[in-house]
Each structure stands twice: as C-alpha cells, then as structure tokens.
Amino acid sequence: MTERDQGCGQGTGAEDVVRALRERGETVATAESLTAGLVAVTLTEVPGSSAVLRGGLVVYATDLKHTLAGVDGALLAEHGAVHPEVAKQLAEGARDRCGATWGLGLTGVAGPAPQDGVPPGTVHIGVAGPPGSVTRTFTLSGDRRQVREGASAAALDLLRKQLMIPIR
C-alpha cells in the first residue's frame, strides 16, 4: 500500500478505535462506497462496538451519495464519485445523518477496470469529527478484495490517528 500522504499503517486498528471511542463516550458512523459496509462490519467484529457504532450508509450508487449522504450534486456532476472532496462530504454526511461524533467516508475504484478515468486502487478517505475534517488519498494494489480490505484498514487507521491513539 502506498499513500500520497505518508504515515498510515497497515493494521485495521478496530479494537483500538472501539476502545478509545468507548473511553471517550464518543461514536462513529460510516458512509461507504467501494467498501460497501466493510468498515462497519470490521468494527462490529469487536466486542462492545454497539456502544460506539451509530450506523452506516452503503452508498454504492452515485445518486445515493447525494440523496442519502448529502454529497453536493454539482460536485458529483463535475468530478464524479471518486474524488477527495466526495470522501470528505461522505464523512460529514455520515456524522450528521447518524448523529455520531465521528464520520468516516470512503470512495474509490476497487477494479479491475478504471472508473471515469480513475485507475483501480485509487481510494479517498475522509474523517469528520470535532476538530474538523481531513481527507487522505491512497493508491492500493491487489485485486478487488485486497483493495477493499486495504481501504477499510486505512480508514480505521486514519480514524485512530485522529483520535491520537498510539500504535501498540
């Protein structure tokens, strides 16, 4: 896995994220496109996750990114569904619509073919929380499963970093 913005580890960090959110009395919600709910599934594999996971939106279709997650329709029309600002707005939409402290938004191309000229393995992840929103872009290698799993792990690691949890 390579990242245009360096510093992301490869572990999922789901246990650390759930523990930290529980300790802080905070919650998380997701708006997932290419991962189609995999981040939420990964979180729910951790005992006690029901105290922190508010819910999630699977917005695989472009129109649902707008109608369910609140992504700006003009942004989608101009840049398509795979864009860093879309990831940011997905995160903000998940946070807002699910009433969570934190929101995660993921969009990208799992492959095998490009989408709207964007090569497979391109992943944009947004995190929205009390300090604001951040977006990171990753270039992941592998087949569809590997790209989706890598994106899920990267999203949880990015949230872990926003929560400032050291790697154990």
C-alpha atoms as a PDB file:
ATOM      1  CA  MET A   1       0.000   0.000   0.000  1.00  0.00           C
ATOM      2  CA  THR A   2       1.279   3.436  -0.820  1.00  0.00           C
ATOM      3  CA  GLU A   3      -0.191   6.689   0.305  1.00  0.00           C
ATOM      4  CA  ARG A   4       0.259  10.100  -1.230  1.00  0.00           C
ATOM      5  CA  ASP A   5       0.110  11.486   2.288  1.00  0.00           C
ATOM      6  CA  GLN A   6       2.640   9.425   4.223  1.00  0.00           C
ATOM      7  CA  GLY A   7       2.135   7.976   7.673  1.00  0.00           C
ATOM      8  CA  CYS A   8      -0.639   5.391   7.544  1.00  0.00           C
ATOM      9  CA  GLY A   9      -0.023   1.953   8.997  1.00  0.00           C
ATOM     10  CA  GLN A  10      -1.454  -1.254   7.611  1.00  0.00           C
ATOM     11  CA  GLY A  11      -3.377  -2.613  10.593  1.00  0.00           C
ATOM     12  CA  THR A  12      -7.127  -2.180  10.966  1.00  0.00           C
ATOM     13  CA  GLY A  13      -6.910  -0.778  14.471  1.00  0.00           C
ATOM     14  CA  ALA A  14     -10.596  -1.662  15.032  1.00  0.00           C
ATOM     15  CA  GLU A  15     -10.024  -2.787  18.631  1.00  0.00           C
ATOM     16  CA  ASP A  16      -8.095   0.378  19.491  1.00  0.00           C
ATOM     17  CA  VAL A  17     -10.711   2.587  17.826  1.00  0.00           C
ATOM     18  CA  VAL A  18     -13.617   0.923  19.638  1.00  0.00           C
ATOM     19  CA  ARG A  19     -11.801   1.082  22.972  1.00  0.00           C
ATOM     20  CA  ALA A  20     -10.878   4.755  22.551  1.00  0.00           C
ATOM     21  CA  LEU A  21     -14.363   5.767  21.479  1.00  0.00           C
ATOM     22  CA  ARG A  22     -15.874   3.903  24.444  1.00  0.00           C
ATOM     23  CA  GLU A  23     -13.472   5.550  26.875  1.00  0.00           C
ATOM     24  CA  ARG A  24     -14.285   8.979  25.432  1.00  0.00           C
ATOM     25  CA  GLY A  25     -18.032   8.398  25.262  1.00  0.00           C
ATOM     26  CA  GLU A  26     -17.949   9.091  21.522  1.00  0.00           C
ATOM     27  CA  THR A  27     -19.486   7.417  18.493  1.00  0.00           C
ATOM     28  CA  VAL A  28     -18.772   6.804  14.804  1.00  0.00           C
ATOM     29  CA  ALA A  29     -20.801   6.347  11.628  1.00  0.00           C
ATOM     30  CA  THR A  30     -19.778   5.417   8.093  1.00  0.00           C
ATOM     31  CA  ALA A  31     -20.727   6.306   4.527  1.00  0.00           C
ATOM     32  CA  GLU A  32     -19.111   3.677   2.340  1.00  0.00           C
ATOM     33  CA  SER A  33     -18.989   3.353  -1.414  1.00  0.00           C
ATOM     34  CA  LEU A  34     -16.260   0.982  -2.617  1.00  0.00           C
ATOM     35  CA  THR A  35     -16.152  -0.903   0.701  1.00  0.00           C
ATOM     36  CA  ALA A  36     -19.957  -1.383   0.774  1.00  0.00           C
ATOM     37  CA  GLY A  37     -20.147  -1.641   4.560  1.00  0.00           C
ATOM     38  CA  LEU A  38     -16.852  -3.420   5.242  1.00  0.00           C
ATOM     39  CA  VAL A  39     -15.670  -0.762   7.714  1.00  0.00           C
ATOM     40  CA  ALA A  40     -18.874  -1.105   9.723  1.00  0.00           C
ATOM     41  CA  VAL A  41     -18.565  -4.906   9.606  1.00  0.00           C
ATOM     42  CA  THR A  42     -14.964  -4.709  10.807  1.00  0.00           C
ATOM     43  CA  LEU A  43     -15.978  -2.503  13.720  1.00  0.00           C
ATOM     44  CA  THR A  44     -18.825  -4.833  14.708  1.00  0.00           C
ATOM     45  CA  GLU A  45     -16.426  -7.753  14.966  1.00  0.00           C
ATOM     46  CA  VAL A  46     -15.066  -6.066  18.112  1.00  0.00           C
ATOM     47  CA  PRO A  47     -16.986  -6.887  21.315  1.00  0.00           C
ATOM     48  CA  GLY A  48     -18.551  -3.733  22.727  1.00  0.00           C
ATOM     49  CA  SER A  49     -18.797  -1.999  19.367  1.00  0.00           C
ATOM     50  CA  SER A  50     -22.547  -1.497  19.791  1.00  0.00           C
ATOM     51  CA  ALA A  51     -21.721   1.270  22.265  1.00  0.00           C
ATOM     52  CA  VAL A  52     -19.832   3.268  19.627  1.00  0.00           C
ATOM     53  CA  LEU A  53     -21.073   2.415  16.130  1.00  0.00           C
ATOM     54  CA  ARG A  54     -24.171   4.516  15.390  1.00  0.00           C
ATOM     55  CA  GLY A  55     -24.745   3.131  11.903  1.00  0.00           C
ATOM     56  CA  GLY A  56     -23.676   3.382   8.335  1.00  0.00           C
ATOM     57  CA  LEU A  57     -24.739   4.219   4.831  1.00  0.00           C
ATOM     58  CA  VAL A  58     -23.839   1.996   1.900  1.00  0.00           C
ATOM     59  CA  VAL A  59     -23.888   4.467  -0.978  1.00  0.00           C
ATOM     60  CA  TYR A  60     -22.572   2.395  -3.846  1.00  0.00           C
ATOM     61  CA  ALA A  61     -24.697   4.198  -6.455  1.00  0.00           C
ATOM     62  CA  THR A  62     -23.651   7.776  -7.237  1.00  0.00           C
ATOM     63  CA  ASP A  63     -27.149   9.208  -6.784  1.00  0.00           C
ATOM     64  CA  LEU A  64     -27.300   7.775  -3.248  1.00  0.00           C
ATOM     65  CA  LYS A  65     -24.138   9.647  -2.318  1.00  0.00           C
ATOM     66  CA  HIS A  66     -26.224  12.779  -2.862  1.00  0.00           C
ATOM     67  CA  THR A  67     -29.650  11.713  -1.594  1.00  0.00           C
ATOM     68  CA  LEU A  68     -28.587   9.674   1.455  1.00  0.00           C
ATOM     69  CA  ALA A  69     -25.219  11.136   2.452  1.00  0.00           C
ATOM     70  CA  GLY A  70     -25.720  14.720   1.310  1.00  0.00           C
ATOM     71  CA  VAL A  71     -22.787  14.964  -1.098  1.00  0.00           C
ATOM     72  CA  ASP A  72     -23.159  18.052  -3.274  1.00  0.00           C
ATOM     73  CA  GLY A  73     -24.784  17.099  -6.577  1.00  0.00           C
ATOM     74  CA  ALA A  74     -22.754  19.676  -8.514  1.00  0.00           C
ATOM     75  CA  LEU A  75     -19.530  18.169  -7.138  1.00  0.00           C
ATOM     76  CA  LEU A  76     -20.605  14.709  -8.277  1.00  0.00           C
ATOM     77  CA  ALA A  77     -21.600  16.030 -11.710  1.00  0.00           C
ATOM     78  CA  GLU A  78     -18.309  17.865 -12.184  1.00  0.00           C
ATOM     79  CA  HIS A  79     -15.787  15.422 -10.697  1.00  0.00           C
ATOM     80  CA  GLY A  80     -17.590  12.099 -10.446  1.00  0.00           C
ATOM     81  CA  ALA A  81     -17.942   9.868  -7.407  1.00  0.00           C
ATOM     82  CA  VAL A  82     -14.225   9.173  -6.906  1.00  0.00           C
ATOM     83  CA  HIS A  83     -12.789  12.433  -5.605  1.00  0.00           C
ATOM     84  CA  PRO A  84     -11.247  13.572  -2.285  1.00  0.00           C
ATOM     85  CA  GLU A  85     -13.982  16.139  -1.655  1.00  0.00           C
ATOM     86  CA  VAL A  86     -16.601  13.413  -2.122  1.00  0.00           C
ATOM     87  CA  ALA A  87     -14.897  11.372   0.631  1.00  0.00           C
ATOM     88  CA  LYS A  88     -14.911  14.416   2.907  1.00  0.00           C
ATOM     89  CA  GLN A  89     -18.591  15.088   2.283  1.00  0.00           C
ATOM     90  CA  LEU A  90     -19.426  11.400   2.785  1.00  0.00           C
ATOM     91  CA  ALA A  91     -17.738  11.535   6.205  1.00  0.00           C
ATOM     92  CA  GLU A  92     -19.574  14.712   7.139  1.00  0.00           C
ATOM     93  CA  GLY A  93     -22.856  13.263   5.895  1.00  0.00           C
ATOM     94  CA  ALA A  94     -22.425  10.054   7.889  1.00  0.00           C
ATOM     95  CA  ARG A  95     -21.642  12.037  11.013  1.00  0.00           C
ATOM     96  CA  ASP A  96     -24.595  14.356  10.532  1.00  0.00           C
ATOM     97  CA  ARG A  97     -27.228  11.861   9.401  1.00  0.00           C
ATOM     98  CA  CYS A  98     -26.372   9.241  12.030  1.00  0.00           C
ATOM     99  CA  GLY A  99     -25.819  11.713  14.868  1.00  0.00           C
ATOM    100  CA  ALA A 100     -22.274  10.496  15.549  1.00  0.00           C
ATOM    101  CA  THR A 101     -19.237  12.222  16.984  1.00  0.00           C
ATOM    102  CA  TRP A 102     -17.094  10.975  14.089  1.00  0.00           C
ATOM    103  CA  GLY A 103     -17.847  10.141  10.477  1.00  0.00           C
ATOM    104  CA  LEU A 104     -15.875   8.040   8.004  1.00  0.00           C
ATOM    105  CA  GLY A 105     -16.361   8.378   4.245  1.00  0.00           C
ATOM    106  CA  LEU A 106     -14.806   6.108   1.625  1.00  0.00           C
ATOM    107  CA  THR A 107     -14.860   6.254  -2.152  1.00  0.00           C
ATOM    108  CA  GLY A 108     -12.576   4.772  -4.766  1.00  0.00           C
ATOM    109  CA  VAL A 109     -12.078   2.214  -7.504  1.00  0.00           C
ATOM    110  CA  ALA A 110     -11.633  -1.428  -6.499  1.00  0.00           C
ATOM    111  CA  GLY A 111     -11.152  -2.545 -10.109  1.00  0.00           C
ATOM    112  CA  PRO A 112     -10.433  -4.384 -12.193  1.00  0.00           C
ATOM    113  CA  ALA A 113     -11.247  -1.580 -14.681  1.00  0.00           C
ATOM    114  CA  PRO A 114     -10.878   2.184 -14.300  1.00  0.00           C
ATOM    115  CA  GLN A 115     -13.971   4.209 -13.389  1.00  0.00           C
ATOM    116  CA  ASP A 116     -14.457   7.584 -15.062  1.00  0.00           C
ATOM    117  CA  GLY A 117     -10.764   7.598 -15.948  1.00  0.00           C
ATOM    118  CA  VAL A 118      -9.659   6.869 -12.367  1.00  0.00           C
ATOM    119  CA  PRO A 119      -7.324   3.862 -12.112  1.00  0.00           C
ATOM    120  CA  PRO A 120      -8.091   0.836  -9.929  1.00  0.00           C
ATOM    121  CA  GLY A 121      -6.613   1.067  -6.451  1.00  0.00           C
ATOM    122  CA  THR A 122      -7.339   4.795  -6.060  1.00  0.00           C
ATOM    123  CA  VAL A 123      -9.013   5.345  -2.702  1.00  0.00           C
ATOM    124  CA  HIS A 124     -10.113   8.560  -0.993  1.00  0.00           C
ATOM    125  CA  ILE A 125     -10.950   8.503   2.719  1.00  0.00           C
ATOM    126  CA  GLY A 126     -12.495  11.275   4.767  1.00  0.00           C
ATOM    127  CA  VAL A 127     -12.778  11.600   8.532  1.00  0.00           C
ATOM    128  CA  ALA A 128     -15.055  14.215  10.077  1.00  0.00           C
ATOM    129  CA  GLY A 129     -15.046  14.934  13.784  1.00  0.00           C
ATOM    130  CA  PRO A 130     -14.971  17.636  16.445  1.00  0.00           C
ATOM    131  CA  PRO A 131     -11.660  19.131  15.236  1.00  0.00           C
ATOM    132  CA  GLY A 132     -12.862  19.281  11.605  1.00  0.00           C
ATOM    133  CA  SER A 133     -12.468  17.119   8.523  1.00  0.00           C
ATOM    134  CA  VAL A 134      -9.425  15.520   6.911  1.00  0.00           C
ATOM    135  CA  THR A 135      -9.071  13.620   3.665  1.00  0.00           C
ATOM    136  CA  ARG A 136      -6.339  11.269   2.505  1.00  0.00           C
ATOM    137  CA  THR A 137      -5.721   9.618  -0.845  1.00  0.00           C
ATOM    138  CA  PHE A 138      -4.232   6.144  -1.142  1.00  0.00           C
ATOM    139  CA  THR A 139      -3.041   4.037  -4.042  1.00  0.00           C
ATOM    140  CA  LEU A 140      -3.621   0.390  -3.164  1.00  0.00           C
ATOM    141  CA  SER A 141      -2.532  -2.655  -5.109  1.00  0.00           C
ATOM    142  CA  GLY A 142      -4.150  -6.042  -5.492  1.00  0.00           C
ATOM    143  CA  ASP A 143      -7.447  -7.467  -6.624  1.00  0.00           C
ATOM    144  CA  ARG A 144     -10.889  -6.115  -5.669  1.00  0.00           C
ATOM    145  CA  ARG A 145     -10.905  -7.882  -2.304  1.00  0.00           C
ATOM    146  CA  GLN A 146      -7.424  -6.629  -1.410  1.00  0.00           C
ATOM    147  CA  VAL A 147      -8.241  -3.041  -2.390  1.00  0.00           C
ATOM    148  CA  ARG A 148     -11.467  -3.074  -0.381  1.00  0.00           C
ATOM    149  CA  GLU A 149      -9.789  -4.635   2.669  1.00  0.00           C
ATOM    150  CA  GLY A 150      -6.874  -2.205   2.398  1.00  0.00           C
ATOM    151  CA  ALA A 151      -9.259   0.733   2.174  1.00  0.00           C
ATOM    152  CA  SER A 152     -11.141  -0.441   5.257  1.00  0.00           C
ATOM    153  CA  ALA A 153      -7.902  -0.850   7.219  1.00  0.00           C
ATOM    154  CA  ALA A 154      -6.651   2.561   6.078  1.00  0.00           C
ATOM    155  CA  ALA A 155      -9.911   4.230   7.119  1.00  0.00           C
ATOM    156  CA  LEU A 156      -9.758   2.778  10.617  1.00  0.00           C
ATOM    157  CA  ASP A 157      -6.099   3.692  10.900  1.00  0.00           C
ATOM    158  CA  LEU A 158      -6.843   7.262   9.819  1.00  0.00           C
ATOM    159  CA  LEU A 159      -9.585   7.497  12.453  1.00  0.00           C
ATOM    160  CA  ARG A 160      -7.195   6.028  15.026  1.00  0.00           C
ATOM    161  CA  LYS A 161      -4.724   8.786  14.196  1.00  0.00           C
ATOM    162  CA  GLN A 162      -7.405  11.453  14.508  1.00  0.00           C
ATOM    163  CA  LEU A 163      -8.186  10.014  17.938  1.00  0.00           C
ATOM    164  CA  MET A 164      -4.411  10.146  18.608  1.00  0.00           C
ATOM    165  CA  ILE A 165      -4.138   6.512  19.676  1.00  0.00           C
ATOM    166  CA  PRO A 166      -0.542   5.261  19.540  1.00  0.00           C
ATOM    167  CA  ILE A 167       0.167   2.027  17.674  1.00  0.00           C
ATOM    168  CA  ARG A 168       0.611  -0.819  20.165  1.00  0.00           C
END
